[in-house]
Amino acid sequence: MSGIKFLFISGEGEVYQIPASKGSVYKAVPRLAKESVLVVELFYEVENRKPWRLIHVGFDRIQLDGHGQYILAMEEGGSKFYNISHFGLVSAEELSKREEPIAIPKAPVIPSAKEKETLISFVKRKYPILWENSPEAVELSIQSRLNTHSDLVNLVKKSTVIRRKNRITAYKQG
């Protein structure tokens, strides 16, 4: 069995546990009105009805409204899947053949050093068994995001080189 917990980490390093959203609306935190926060998603395995081991840690940055609430808009939902929609399951050759300009990969959301320290401290204090069973989960998640971004950048570079070579070849033949 698995579970998920949502956290907001403020710019001041405060952590707020947020219940899972109902549809596209997250619970309001009035103290964080009009603030940009780091959203942390803790996916974990459950043993004996308690969080036991972290499976994945997700990150996102959001802007809360004047009431400290976040409502996921349709445009934002699309932007969350930007890299997948532009680069998912495509080779450099296929990407180079597209008519439109090649998109630039969206940078990954990763916590700052202060936010990472705050998150680790919170998990160690509030859910020590999670941390004991998976201390590297946060670092692995960050590294995975950085590696994926690097792969996408390399894919764009390769497709640009292929596109240039194809245009030069077509120009010489034409």
Protein backbone atom coordinates (compact mmCIF):
# COMPACT_ATOMS: atom_id res chain seq x y z
CA MET A 1 0.00 0.00 0.00
CA SER A 2 1.16 3.54 -0.61
CA GLY A 3 0.35 7.07 0.48
CA ILE A 4 1.13 10.67 -0.30
CA LYS A 5 1.73 13.76 1.78
CA PHE A 6 1.87 17.35 0.53
CA LEU A 7 4.04 20.01 2.12
CA PHE A 8 4.42 23.72 1.47
CA ILE A 9 7.83 25.16 2.36
CA SER A 10 7.80 28.94 2.69
CA GLY A 11 10.64 31.31 1.91
CA GLU A 12 11.27 31.62 5.66
CA GLY A 13 11.77 27.87 5.96
CA GLU A 14 8.45 27.01 7.59
CA VAL A 15 6.80 23.71 6.67
CA TYR A 16 3.04 23.32 6.35
CA GLN A 17 1.39 19.94 5.84
CA ILE A 18 -1.44 20.23 3.35
CA PRO A 19 -4.12 17.59 2.85
CA ALA A 20 -4.31 16.02 -0.61
CA SER A 21 -6.12 18.40 -2.95
CA LYS A 22 -9.74 17.91 -3.80
CA GLY A 23 -9.60 18.12 -7.56
CA SER A 24 -7.60 21.22 -8.42
CA VAL A 25 -8.02 23.13 -5.12
CA TYR A 26 -5.48 22.95 -2.31
CA LYS A 27 -6.34 23.89 1.28
CA ALA A 28 -5.66 27.55 2.06
CA VAL A 29 -2.85 28.61 4.39
CA PRO A 30 -3.71 32.26 5.18
CA ARG A 31 -0.25 32.92 6.66
CA LEU A 32 1.23 32.28 3.21
CA ALA A 33 -1.07 34.64 1.27
CA LYS A 34 0.53 35.92 -1.95
CA GLU A 35 3.70 33.94 -1.31
CA SER A 36 5.62 31.69 -3.64
CA VAL A 37 6.17 28.30 -1.99
CA LEU A 38 7.90 25.03 -2.74
CA VAL A 39 5.39 22.19 -2.91
CA VAL A 40 6.84 18.85 -1.86
CA GLU A 41 5.05 15.61 -2.63
CA LEU A 42 6.16 12.68 -0.48
CA PHE A 43 5.12 9.36 -1.99
CA TYR A 44 5.68 6.54 0.46
CA GLU A 45 5.00 2.89 1.23
CA VAL A 46 2.82 2.07 4.20
CA GLU A 47 3.46 -0.70 6.70
CA ASN A 48 1.12 -1.34 9.63
CA ARG A 49 -0.92 1.66 8.52
CA LYS A 50 2.03 4.06 9.00
CA PRO A 51 4.41 5.74 6.53
CA TRP A 52 7.37 3.40 6.19
CA ARG A 53 9.63 4.14 3.18
CA LEU A 54 9.82 7.04 0.73
CA ILE A 55 9.27 5.96 -2.86
CA HIS A 56 9.56 9.33 -4.56
CA VAL A 57 9.86 13.01 -3.66
CA GLY A 58 8.35 15.53 -6.08
CA PHE A 59 8.87 19.29 -6.19
CA ASP A 60 6.99 22.22 -7.70
CA ARG A 61 6.88 25.99 -7.17
CA ILE A 62 3.53 27.71 -6.96
CA GLN A 63 2.20 31.17 -6.22
CA LEU A 64 -0.56 31.27 -3.60
CA ASP A 65 -3.42 33.76 -3.94
CA GLY A 66 -4.44 36.49 -1.50
CA HIS A 67 -6.10 33.89 0.75
CA GLY A 68 -3.10 31.56 0.80
CA GLN A 69 -4.81 29.11 -1.53
CA TYR A 70 -3.72 27.52 -4.77
CA ILE A 71 -6.12 26.51 -7.50
CA LEU A 72 -4.60 24.63 -10.41
CA ALA A 73 -5.70 26.33 -13.63
CA MET A 74 -5.90 24.49 -16.93
CA GLU A 75 -2.98 26.51 -18.38
CA GLU A 76 -0.78 25.55 -15.43
CA GLY A 77 -1.72 21.89 -15.80
CA GLY A 78 -0.46 22.02 -19.38
CA SER A 79 2.78 23.69 -18.37
CA LYS A 80 3.47 20.89 -15.89
CA PHE A 81 3.61 18.49 -18.85
CA TYR A 82 5.55 20.84 -21.14
CA ASN A 83 8.66 18.65 -21.44
CA ILE A 84 6.63 15.48 -21.94
CA SER A 85 4.48 17.04 -24.65
CA HIS A 86 7.49 18.44 -26.54
CA PHE A 87 10.08 15.71 -26.05
CA GLY A 88 8.30 12.56 -24.82
CA LEU A 89 9.15 9.41 -26.76
CA VAL A 90 10.94 11.25 -29.58
CA SER A 91 14.43 10.75 -31.00
CA ALA A 92 16.78 13.55 -32.05
CA GLU A 93 16.09 12.65 -35.71
CA GLU A 94 12.33 12.87 -35.25
CA LEU A 95 12.63 16.14 -33.34
CA SER A 96 14.82 17.64 -36.10
CA LYS A 97 12.14 16.91 -38.73
CA ARG A 98 9.45 18.97 -37.03
CA GLU A 99 8.44 22.12 -38.88
CA GLU A 100 8.20 24.39 -35.84
CA PRO A 101 11.28 25.71 -34.04
CA ILE A 102 12.74 23.25 -31.58
CA ALA A 103 11.48 23.99 -28.08
CA ILE A 104 13.82 24.59 -25.16
CA PRO A 105 13.34 22.18 -22.25
CA LYS A 106 11.73 23.65 -19.16
CA ALA A 107 14.13 23.74 -16.21
CA PRO A 108 13.43 21.33 -13.38
CA VAL A 109 12.08 22.54 -10.05
CA ILE A 110 14.57 21.67 -7.34
CA PRO A 111 14.77 22.96 -3.78
CA SER A 112 17.36 25.47 -2.70
CA ALA A 113 19.95 24.34 -0.15
CA LYS A 114 17.89 25.98 2.62
CA GLU A 115 14.66 24.32 1.44
CA LYS A 116 16.35 20.93 1.16
CA GLU A 117 17.76 21.28 4.67
CA THR A 118 14.32 22.31 5.96
CA LEU A 119 12.65 19.34 4.27
CA ILE A 120 15.16 16.81 5.58
CA SER A 121 14.95 18.24 9.10
CA PHE A 122 11.14 18.11 8.98
CA VAL A 123 11.02 14.49 7.78
CA LYS A 124 13.62 13.39 10.33
CA ARG A 125 11.66 15.05 13.14
CA LYS A 126 8.09 14.30 12.07
CA TYR A 127 8.52 10.93 10.29
CA PRO A 128 11.80 9.44 11.53
CA ILE A 129 11.00 5.96 10.24
CA LEU A 130 10.63 7.37 6.70
CA TRP A 131 14.06 8.91 6.95
CA GLU A 132 15.67 5.83 8.48
CA ASN A 133 14.38 3.64 5.64
CA SER A 134 15.17 6.02 2.78
CA PRO A 135 17.70 8.74 3.62
CA GLU A 136 18.80 9.17 0.01
CA ALA A 137 15.30 9.72 -1.44
CA VAL A 138 15.54 13.52 -1.62
CA GLU A 139 18.99 13.49 -3.25
CA LEU A 140 17.94 10.78 -5.72
CA SER A 141 14.89 12.78 -6.73
CA ILE A 142 16.92 15.95 -7.26
CA GLN A 143 19.61 14.09 -9.20
CA SER A 144 16.99 12.36 -11.33
CA ARG A 145 15.44 15.72 -12.25
CA LEU A 146 18.83 17.20 -13.12
CA ASN A 147 19.79 14.15 -15.22
CA THR A 148 16.48 14.20 -17.09
CA HIS A 149 16.92 17.90 -17.85
CA SER A 150 20.48 17.31 -19.05
CA ASP A 151 19.24 14.49 -21.32
CA LEU A 152 16.60 16.78 -22.81
CA VAL A 153 19.14 19.56 -23.42
CA ASN A 154 21.40 17.05 -25.18
CA LEU A 155 18.45 15.81 -27.25
CA VAL A 156 17.73 19.39 -28.39
CA LYS A 157 21.40 19.96 -29.23
CA LYS A 158 21.59 16.77 -31.30
CA SER A 159 18.36 17.55 -33.14
CA THR A 160 19.61 21.07 -33.93
CA VAL A 161 22.84 19.67 -35.39
CA ILE A 162 20.86 17.16 -37.49
CA ARG A 163 18.50 19.91 -38.68
CA ARG A 164 21.44 22.11 -39.75
CA LYS A 165 23.12 19.24 -41.61
CA ASN A 166 19.85 18.41 -43.39
CA ARG A 167 19.34 22.06 -44.42
CA ILE A 168 22.93 22.38 -45.68
CA THR A 169 22.56 19.15 -47.66
CA ALA A 170 19.23 20.30 -49.12
CA TYR A 171 20.74 23.70 -50.02
CA LYS A 172 23.71 22.07 -51.81
CA GLN A 173 21.42 19.72 -53.72
CA GLY A 174 18.88 22.39 -54.59
